[in-house]
Amino acid sequence: MQLGTRWAAGSEAPASVPASLRPAIAEVEANLPGTPGASKGHWTLTWLEGRAIAELDAGWEVFQTASGDVVARPFED
């Protein structure tokens, strides 16, 4: 696993975040509960087997499968 970068939810994602993940990240952020302007957590970008994984500490992950599909889902224990 390669550690990437970290950024606040609701702010612009760093350039290192693949374009394929950006729409799903924006959708997750748009549906997060909370007060407008309040912190909704931070994303962490990592790389596993050459594929990007964005994890939101509020309990979400966004990743691209080996077949190229983008998945956004709550963390699974």
Protein backbone atom coordinates (compact mmCIF):
# COMPACT_ATOMS: atom_id res chain seq x y z
CA MET A 1 0.00 0.00 0.00
CA GLN A 2 1.23 3.47 -0.85
CA LEU A 3 0.06 6.45 1.20
CA GLY A 4 -1.14 9.32 -0.91
CA THR A 5 -2.55 12.48 0.58
CA ARG A 6 -5.22 13.86 2.89
CA TRP A 7 -7.76 16.69 2.44
CA ALA A 8 -10.87 18.08 4.13
CA ALA A 9 -14.26 16.89 2.89
CA GLY A 10 -15.94 19.68 0.98
CA SER A 11 -12.68 21.22 -0.22
CA GLU A 12 -11.17 20.67 -3.65
CA ALA A 13 -9.52 17.29 -3.98
CA PRO A 14 -5.76 17.35 -4.68
CA ALA A 15 -4.54 16.82 -8.24
CA SER A 16 -3.35 13.32 -7.26
CA VAL A 17 -6.96 12.13 -6.86
CA PRO A 18 -7.89 10.34 -10.09
CA ALA A 19 -10.58 12.05 -12.18
CA SER A 20 -12.55 8.80 -12.22
CA LEU A 21 -13.12 9.00 -8.44
CA ARG A 22 -14.04 12.69 -8.23
CA PRO A 23 -17.76 12.44 -9.15
CA ALA A 24 -18.35 9.68 -6.57
CA ILE A 25 -16.47 11.65 -3.89
CA ALA A 26 -18.60 14.71 -4.64
CA GLU A 27 -21.78 12.62 -4.40
CA VAL A 28 -20.78 11.18 -1.02
CA GLU A 29 -20.00 14.67 0.29
CA ALA A 30 -23.32 16.05 -1.00
CA ASN A 31 -25.23 13.41 0.95
CA LEU A 32 -23.37 13.70 4.26
CA PRO A 33 -25.56 14.87 7.13
CA GLY A 34 -24.56 17.88 9.16
CA THR A 35 -24.67 21.61 9.44
CA PRO A 36 -23.57 23.54 6.36
CA GLY A 37 -20.04 24.82 6.87
CA ALA A 38 -19.33 22.31 9.65
CA SER A 39 -16.47 19.85 9.25
CA LYS A 40 -17.53 16.60 7.61
CA GLY A 41 -14.23 14.85 8.12
CA HIS A 42 -11.17 14.24 6.01
CA TRP A 43 -10.43 12.05 3.03
CA THR A 44 -7.28 9.93 2.82
CA LEU A 45 -6.03 8.78 -0.57
CA THR A 46 -4.05 5.54 -0.64
CA TRP A 47 -3.03 3.16 -3.40
CA LEU A 48 -3.43 -0.61 -3.24
CA GLU A 49 -2.27 -2.83 -6.09
CA GLY A 50 -1.98 0.27 -8.27
CA ARG A 51 -5.58 1.40 -7.68
CA ALA A 52 -6.64 4.51 -5.79
CA ILE A 53 -8.79 4.25 -2.67
CA ALA A 54 -10.26 7.36 -1.05
CA GLU A 55 -11.47 6.83 2.51
CA LEU A 56 -13.52 9.38 4.43
CA ASP A 57 -13.10 9.15 8.19
CA ALA A 58 -16.88 9.65 8.49
CA GLY A 59 -17.21 6.04 7.29
CA TRP A 60 -17.10 5.98 3.48
CA GLU A 61 -14.75 4.60 0.86
CA VAL A 62 -14.57 5.31 -2.86
CA PHE A 63 -12.46 3.10 -5.09
CA GLN A 64 -12.09 1.76 -8.60
CA THR A 65 -12.37 -1.98 -9.14
CA ALA A 66 -10.03 -3.98 -11.35
CA SER A 67 -12.69 -3.86 -14.09
CA GLY A 68 -12.82 -0.05 -13.91
CA ASP A 69 -16.11 0.42 -12.04
CA VAL A 70 -16.15 3.12 -9.37
CA VAL A 71 -17.73 2.09 -6.07
CA ALA A 72 -18.77 4.36 -3.19
CA ARG A 73 -19.93 2.57 -0.06
CA PRO A 74 -19.91 2.72 3.72
CA PHE A 75 -16.98 0.95 5.36
CA GLU A 76 -17.45 -2.77 5.86
CA ASP A 77 -16.18 -4.31 9.07
